[in-house]
Amino acid sequence: MNPPIINLPVNGASLVKYLEEVNDYESSKAAEYIKTEMAGLLKTTIHSWFKVPPPELDRTLIRKISNSVLAAGNAGLDRTIEALSQIRFEGVPLTSPRTPMGAAVELREIVRDYRVAKNWLFNQSKCVNSVIKTPQFFGSRNPDWQELSGRKIASFQDWLKWREDLYQLWEHKTKIAERLRGSYKNNWGIFQVTFDESLMNNQYRLYLQQQIDQLIHAEEIEAFIEQAMDQMEESMLNPKKITSNYELQINIEGSEVFFYLMLNDRFRKPGKLNSIKSDLVYQLSTLVEKASTKLAISEMATEFPTLCLRMKKPAKKSDFDAISASISSFCEEL
């Protein structure tokens, strides 16, 4: 599944389809992130029950167990028992006596925070979709929607006005109880501000993962905060600085590549950052077109002036190498 792309100008109907694809795509990636984070914990826990690792515990069974422990209620418990029944608990050396039933209850308790994260993600996606799918809920013949669907969105300013009008239509027509609307408004508000000026989205996934991490790694985060507080005084006396002009980090997530260009404080002025973005887009444009890919550049709110370049990974390694080398060359000339 490739990340959704869009090219301005578009009409409102096409934009709705694109927003729905972005929400579905990023939510599915976040769901995969939950399972990936949980897989190691499941495997380690199950291995701890046996003196010799069970041969039945292969990747397929881990995936089945993962899906079952994330399912809620008694039905989820039954699925977990059924999945664990594929592992022998009799006639094998155990660290302590266990049955599939007891093991299922124990395992589901251990990953409870991951179920909480999954439910949070479902609610987040539901709230966003409620606003996006306004025309489906209220009918394409609604005169207000007809105006929105036919409206041309050719710039970021057009997008700002269009998204506000879409939300106002939802708020006017929705049957969601008044006491629940705050959650919908907040979740939609977060989603809509993660698009850059070309309407590419390169920050929503980061937000989702940050929220998920807070739910599934609560103890680690508390320890980190405590450590950070202990280091605060030293940090204030010896603040971290980027002494050169830049630092460049590259992250590859599935079919996408993220380049994070962290700049020295002297580049913090908005005019300077805009100039750098413009120059970088111009330098990369030919290579991006040759690679048949798409590149989005946006500013990030971090400690340092930071630009995020999000790109679909080119099919050819030579194209990827050429774009990476061009970015590095550009940075060296800052």
Protein backbone atom coordinates (compact mmCIF):
# COMPACT_ATOMS: atom_id res chain seq x y z
CA MET A 1 0.00 0.00 0.00
CA ASN A 2 1.61 3.24 -1.18
CA PRO A 3 1.19 6.59 0.59
CA PRO A 4 -1.53 8.79 -0.95
CA ILE A 5 -0.40 11.72 -3.09
CA ILE A 6 -2.16 14.77 -4.45
CA ASN A 7 -1.32 17.48 -6.95
CA LEU A 8 -2.92 20.90 -6.75
CA PRO A 9 -5.24 22.19 -8.05
CA VAL A 10 -8.06 19.77 -7.17
CA ASN A 11 -11.78 20.07 -6.51
CA GLY A 12 -13.39 19.44 -3.14
CA ALA A 13 -14.71 15.98 -4.05
CA SER A 14 -11.19 14.77 -4.96
CA LEU A 15 -9.82 16.33 -1.79
CA VAL A 16 -12.30 14.41 0.37
CA LYS A 17 -11.19 11.15 -1.25
CA TYR A 18 -7.54 12.06 -0.65
CA LEU A 19 -8.11 12.96 3.02
CA GLU A 20 -9.92 9.67 3.58
CA GLU A 21 -7.00 7.79 2.00
CA VAL A 22 -4.48 9.66 4.19
CA ASN A 23 -6.42 8.87 7.37
CA ASP A 24 -6.81 5.20 6.44
CA TYR A 25 -3.16 4.87 5.37
CA GLU A 26 -1.62 6.57 8.40
CA SER A 27 -3.97 4.78 10.81
CA SER A 28 -3.05 1.41 9.29
CA LYS A 29 0.64 2.24 9.64
CA ALA A 30 0.07 3.20 13.27
CA ALA A 31 -1.78 -0.11 13.87
CA GLU A 32 1.20 -1.95 12.38
CA TYR A 33 3.46 0.04 14.72
CA ILE A 34 1.48 -1.19 17.75
CA LYS A 35 1.82 -4.81 16.63
CA THR A 36 5.52 -4.41 15.86
CA GLU A 37 6.20 -2.89 19.28
CA MET A 38 4.21 -5.68 20.95
CA ALA A 39 5.71 -8.63 19.02
CA GLY A 40 9.00 -8.64 20.93
CA LEU A 41 7.21 -8.52 24.29
CA LEU A 42 4.96 -11.44 23.31
CA LYS A 43 7.86 -13.57 22.15
CA THR A 44 9.98 -12.82 25.22
CA THR A 45 7.08 -13.53 27.60
CA ILE A 46 6.13 -16.84 25.96
CA HIS A 47 9.77 -18.00 25.86
CA SER A 48 10.03 -17.28 29.59
CA TRP A 49 7.38 -19.95 30.23
CA PHE A 50 9.50 -22.71 28.73
CA LYS A 51 12.91 -24.08 29.56
CA VAL A 52 13.37 -24.79 25.85
CA PRO A 53 11.87 -22.35 23.27
CA PRO A 54 8.70 -23.90 21.79
CA PRO A 55 9.27 -24.83 18.12
CA GLU A 56 5.65 -24.00 17.27
CA LEU A 57 6.21 -20.28 17.99
CA ASP A 58 7.01 -19.08 14.47
CA ARG A 59 6.24 -15.74 12.85
CA THR A 60 2.79 -16.85 11.71
CA LEU A 61 1.75 -17.92 15.20
CA ILE A 62 3.15 -14.72 16.75
CA ARG A 63 0.99 -12.73 14.30
CA LYS A 64 -2.07 -14.80 15.24
CA ILE A 65 -1.42 -14.33 18.95
CA SER A 66 -0.88 -10.58 18.40
CA ASN A 67 -4.24 -10.19 16.69
CA SER A 68 -5.98 -12.19 19.41
CA VAL A 69 -4.59 -10.31 22.42
CA LEU A 70 -5.59 -6.99 20.84
CA ALA A 71 -9.20 -8.18 20.50
CA ALA A 72 -11.43 -7.05 23.37
CA GLY A 73 -13.68 -8.97 25.75
CA ASN A 74 -14.47 -12.65 26.09
CA ALA A 75 -14.31 -13.17 22.35
CA GLY A 76 -10.74 -11.88 22.42
CA LEU A 77 -9.88 -14.18 25.33
CA ASP A 78 -11.30 -17.17 23.44
CA ARG A 79 -9.20 -16.26 20.39
CA THR A 80 -6.07 -16.02 22.56
CA ILE A 81 -6.74 -19.41 24.17
CA GLU A 82 -7.25 -20.94 20.72
CA ALA A 83 -4.01 -19.41 19.42
CA LEU A 84 -1.97 -20.54 22.44
CA SER A 85 -3.44 -24.03 22.15
CA GLN A 86 -1.19 -24.48 19.15
CA ILE A 87 1.75 -24.55 21.60
CA ARG A 88 2.33 -27.69 23.69
CA PHE A 89 1.97 -27.09 27.42
CA GLU A 90 2.03 -30.77 28.39
CA GLY A 91 4.97 -33.14 28.20
CA VAL A 92 7.47 -30.29 27.80
CA PRO A 93 9.74 -28.65 30.42
CA LEU A 94 8.02 -25.51 31.78
CA THR A 95 9.41 -22.93 34.22
CA SER A 96 6.09 -23.29 36.10
CA PRO A 97 2.82 -25.15 35.40
CA ARG A 98 0.59 -23.41 32.82
CA THR A 99 -2.42 -24.15 30.65
CA PRO A 100 -3.52 -22.30 27.51
CA MET A 101 -6.31 -20.72 29.57
CA GLY A 102 -4.00 -19.45 32.31
CA ALA A 103 -1.37 -18.38 29.79
CA ALA A 104 -3.98 -16.45 27.78
CA VAL A 105 -5.19 -14.51 30.84
CA GLU A 106 -1.60 -13.70 31.83
CA LEU A 107 -0.58 -12.63 28.33
CA ARG A 108 -3.60 -10.40 27.82
CA GLU A 109 -2.92 -8.63 31.12
CA ILE A 110 0.70 -7.99 30.12
CA VAL A 111 -0.34 -6.31 26.85
CA ARG A 112 -3.34 -4.44 28.25
CA ASP A 113 -1.77 -1.05 27.44
CA TYR A 114 -1.44 -2.11 23.79
CA ARG A 115 -5.19 -2.75 23.65
CA VAL A 116 -5.72 0.70 25.13
CA ALA A 117 -3.51 2.11 22.36
CA LYS A 118 -5.46 0.23 19.69
CA ASN A 119 -8.77 1.56 21.06
CA TRP A 120 -7.35 5.09 21.20
CA LEU A 121 -6.23 4.80 17.57
CA PHE A 122 -9.66 3.51 16.50
CA ASN A 123 -11.36 6.48 18.20
CA GLN A 124 -8.92 8.96 16.65
CA SER A 125 -9.55 7.58 13.16
CA LYS A 126 -13.32 7.45 13.73
CA CYS A 127 -13.48 11.12 14.75
CA VAL A 128 -11.44 12.24 11.73
CA ASN A 129 -13.49 10.10 9.35
CA SER A 130 -16.71 11.52 10.74
CA VAL A 131 -15.74 14.97 9.47
CA ILE A 132 -14.16 13.76 6.22
CA LYS A 133 -17.21 11.71 5.28
CA THR A 134 -19.67 14.54 5.82
CA PRO A 135 -21.06 14.26 2.26
CA GLN A 136 -21.68 10.52 2.66
CA PHE A 137 -23.60 11.11 5.86
CA PHE A 138 -25.67 14.05 4.65
CA GLY A 139 -26.05 13.33 0.95
CA SER A 140 -24.28 14.65 -2.11
CA ARG A 141 -27.37 16.71 -3.05
CA ASN A 142 -26.99 18.94 0.00
CA PRO A 143 -26.48 22.42 -1.55
CA ASP A 144 -23.72 23.32 0.92
CA TRP A 145 -21.82 20.16 0.05
CA GLN A 146 -22.33 20.71 -3.67
CA GLU A 147 -20.58 24.05 -3.31
CA LEU A 148 -17.71 22.50 -1.31
CA SER A 149 -17.31 19.53 -3.65
CA GLY A 150 -17.10 21.71 -6.73
CA ARG A 151 -14.86 24.36 -5.18
CA LYS A 152 -11.33 24.58 -6.64
CA ILE A 153 -8.44 24.23 -4.19
CA ALA A 154 -5.34 25.62 -5.85
CA SER A 155 -3.32 26.90 -2.88
CA PHE A 156 -2.70 26.38 0.81
CA GLN A 157 -4.94 29.34 1.60
CA ASP A 158 -7.75 27.70 -0.38
CA TRP A 159 -7.24 24.57 1.74
CA LEU A 160 -7.45 26.53 4.99
CA LYS A 161 -10.80 28.04 4.00
CA TRP A 162 -12.18 24.79 2.56
CA ARG A 163 -11.33 22.68 5.62
CA GLU A 164 -12.98 25.22 7.93
CA ASP A 165 -16.13 25.24 5.80
CA LEU A 166 -16.19 21.41 5.76
CA TYR A 167 -16.00 21.32 9.56
CA GLN A 168 -18.73 23.96 9.88
CA LEU A 169 -20.99 21.84 7.63
CA TRP A 170 -20.28 18.78 9.78
CA GLU A 171 -20.95 20.68 13.01
CA HIS A 172 -24.22 22.08 11.63
CA LYS A 173 -25.52 18.73 10.36
CA THR A 174 -24.05 16.08 12.66
CA LYS A 175 -26.19 14.15 15.13
CA ILE A 176 -23.24 13.53 17.46
CA ALA A 177 -24.19 14.47 21.03
CA GLU A 178 -23.02 17.92 22.06
CA ARG A 179 -21.02 16.55 25.00
CA LEU A 180 -18.95 14.37 22.61
CA ARG A 181 -18.21 16.97 19.97
CA GLY A 182 -15.15 18.33 21.75
CA SER A 183 -13.31 15.06 21.13
CA TYR A 184 -14.24 15.10 17.43
CA LYS A 185 -13.19 18.72 17.09
CA ASN A 186 -9.83 18.15 18.79
CA ASN A 187 -8.99 15.02 16.79
CA TRP A 188 -9.99 16.62 13.49
CA GLY A 189 -8.02 19.73 14.44
CA ILE A 190 -4.84 17.70 14.96
CA PHE A 191 -5.27 15.83 11.69
CA GLN A 192 -5.88 18.92 9.56
CA VAL A 193 -2.77 20.79 10.70
CA THR A 194 -0.37 17.98 9.76
CA PHE A 195 -0.51 18.86 6.04
CA ASP A 196 2.21 21.00 4.51
CA GLU A 197 1.78 23.73 1.89
CA SER A 198 1.59 21.19 -0.94
CA LEU A 199 -1.02 19.23 1.09
CA MET A 200 1.37 16.32 1.59
CA ASN A 201 1.17 14.84 5.06
CA ASN A 202 4.45 14.04 6.80
CA GLN A 203 3.65 14.67 10.47
CA TYR A 204 0.43 12.83 11.31
CA ARG A 205 2.17 9.48 11.65
CA LEU A 206 4.71 11.03 14.00
CA TYR A 207 1.87 12.37 16.14
CA LEU A 208 0.10 8.99 16.21
CA GLN A 209 3.30 7.17 17.19
CA GLN A 210 4.06 9.69 19.91
CA GLN A 211 0.61 9.22 21.42
CA ILE A 212 0.88 5.42 21.16
CA ASP A 213 4.29 5.51 22.83
CA GLN A 214 2.82 7.45 25.74
CA LEU A 215 0.24 4.70 26.23
CA ILE A 216 2.42 1.60 25.79
CA HIS A 217 5.65 2.93 27.29
CA ALA A 218 4.21 4.95 30.16
CA GLU A 219 6.71 3.62 32.74
CA GLU A 220 9.69 4.22 30.47
CA ILE A 221 8.47 7.74 29.71
CA GLU A 222 8.07 8.52 33.43
CA ALA A 223 11.64 7.32 34.02
CA PHE A 224 12.85 9.41 31.10
CA ILE A 225 11.09 12.51 32.43
CA GLU A 226 12.64 11.98 35.85
CA GLN A 227 16.07 11.63 34.29
CA ALA A 228 15.47 14.71 32.16
CA MET A 229 14.53 16.74 35.23
CA ASP A 230 17.75 15.66 36.92
CA GLN A 231 19.71 16.80 33.88
CA MET A 232 17.84 20.07 33.39
CA GLU A 233 20.17 22.24 35.45
CA GLU A 234 23.21 20.89 33.65
CA SER A 235 21.48 21.33 30.30
CA MET A 236 20.70 24.97 31.07
CA LEU A 237 24.30 25.63 32.02
CA ASN A 238 25.65 23.73 29.01
CA PRO A 239 22.94 23.91 26.35
CA LYS A 240 23.22 21.58 23.37
CA LYS A 241 24.03 23.39 20.18
CA ILE A 242 24.52 22.46 16.57
CA THR A 243 27.96 23.98 16.16
CA SER A 244 28.22 23.25 12.42
CA ASN A 245 25.67 24.57 9.95
CA TYR A 246 23.55 21.41 10.01
CA GLU A 247 22.94 17.82 11.09
CA LEU A 248 21.23 15.38 8.73
CA GLN A 249 19.29 12.29 9.84
CA ILE A 250 17.68 9.72 7.53
CA ASN A 251 14.88 7.34 8.58
CA ILE A 252 13.40 4.69 6.30
CA GLU A 253 9.91 3.44 7.17
CA GLY A 254 8.58 0.88 4.73
CA SER A 255 8.15 2.54 1.35
CA GLU A 256 8.94 6.03 2.63
CA VAL A 257 12.14 7.93 3.42
CA PHE A 258 12.35 10.82 5.88
CA PHE A 259 15.29 13.26 5.77
CA TYR A 260 15.50 15.49 8.86
CA LEU A 261 17.70 18.55 8.27
CA MET A 262 18.44 20.21 11.64
CA LEU A 263 20.02 23.63 11.20
CA ASN A 264 22.10 25.98 13.26
CA ASP A 265 20.17 28.68 15.14
CA ARG A 266 21.35 31.33 12.69
CA PHE A 267 18.90 29.84 10.16
CA ARG A 268 15.91 30.29 12.47
CA LYS A 269 14.50 33.39 10.73
CA PRO A 270 11.39 32.42 8.69
CA GLY A 271 12.70 34.19 5.60
CA LYS A 272 15.93 32.20 5.73
CA LEU A 273 14.14 28.87 6.13
CA ASN A 274 11.77 29.65 3.26
CA SER A 275 14.74 30.49 1.06
CA ILE A 276 16.43 27.18 1.95
CA LYS A 277 13.23 25.24 1.18
CA SER A 278 12.86 26.97 -2.18
CA ASP A 279 16.50 26.38 -3.14
CA LEU A 280 16.38 22.73 -2.06
CA VAL A 281 13.17 22.04 -4.01
CA TYR A 282 14.74 23.60 -7.10
CA GLN A 283 17.95 21.56 -6.76
CA LEU A 284 16.08 18.26 -6.27
CA SER A 285 13.26 18.79 -8.78
CA THR A 286 14.98 17.17 -11.76
CA LEU A 287 16.17 14.15 -9.75
CA VAL A 288 12.73 13.66 -8.17
CA GLU A 289 11.05 13.80 -11.57
CA LYS A 290 13.57 11.33 -13.04
CA ALA A 291 12.92 8.93 -10.14
CA SER A 292 9.13 9.14 -10.69
CA THR A 293 8.63 9.86 -7.02
CA LYS A 294 7.26 12.74 -4.93
CA LEU A 295 8.98 14.86 -2.33
CA ALA A 296 7.37 17.09 0.31
CA ILE A 297 9.30 19.57 2.47
CA SER A 298 7.89 21.11 5.62
CA GLU A 299 9.09 22.86 8.77
CA MET A 300 8.90 21.09 12.12
CA ALA A 301 8.43 22.61 15.55
CA THR A 302 11.57 21.39 17.32
CA GLU A 303 14.41 22.72 19.45
CA PHE A 304 16.37 23.59 16.32
CA PRO A 305 15.26 25.02 12.96
CA THR A 306 14.33 21.73 11.26
CA LEU A 307 13.12 20.77 7.81
CA CYS A 308 11.49 17.40 7.15
CA LEU A 309 11.79 15.96 3.65
CA ARG A 310 9.36 13.08 3.06
CA MET A 311 9.82 10.99 -0.06
CA LYS A 312 8.43 7.77 -1.48
CA LYS A 313 11.47 5.48 -1.82
CA PRO A 314 12.52 5.34 -5.51
CA ALA A 315 12.35 1.97 -7.26
CA LYS A 316 15.99 2.25 -8.35
CA LYS A 317 18.80 2.45 -5.80
CA SER A 318 20.75 4.70 -8.16
CA ASP A 319 17.95 7.29 -8.01
CA PHE A 320 17.86 7.09 -4.21
CA ASP A 321 21.65 7.53 -4.04
CA ALA A 322 21.52 10.50 -6.40
CA ILE A 323 18.84 12.30 -4.35
CA SER A 324 20.63 11.57 -1.05
CA ALA A 325 23.94 12.81 -2.47
CA SER A 326 22.29 15.97 -3.78
CA ILE A 327 20.76 16.71 -0.35
CA SER A 328 24.14 16.19 1.33
CA SER A 329 25.83 18.41 -1.25
CA PHE A 330 23.23 21.12 -0.71
CA CYS A 331 23.78 20.98 3.06
CA GLU A 332 27.55 21.25 2.68
CA GLU A 333 27.11 24.51 0.77
CA LEU A 334 24.94 26.18 3.41
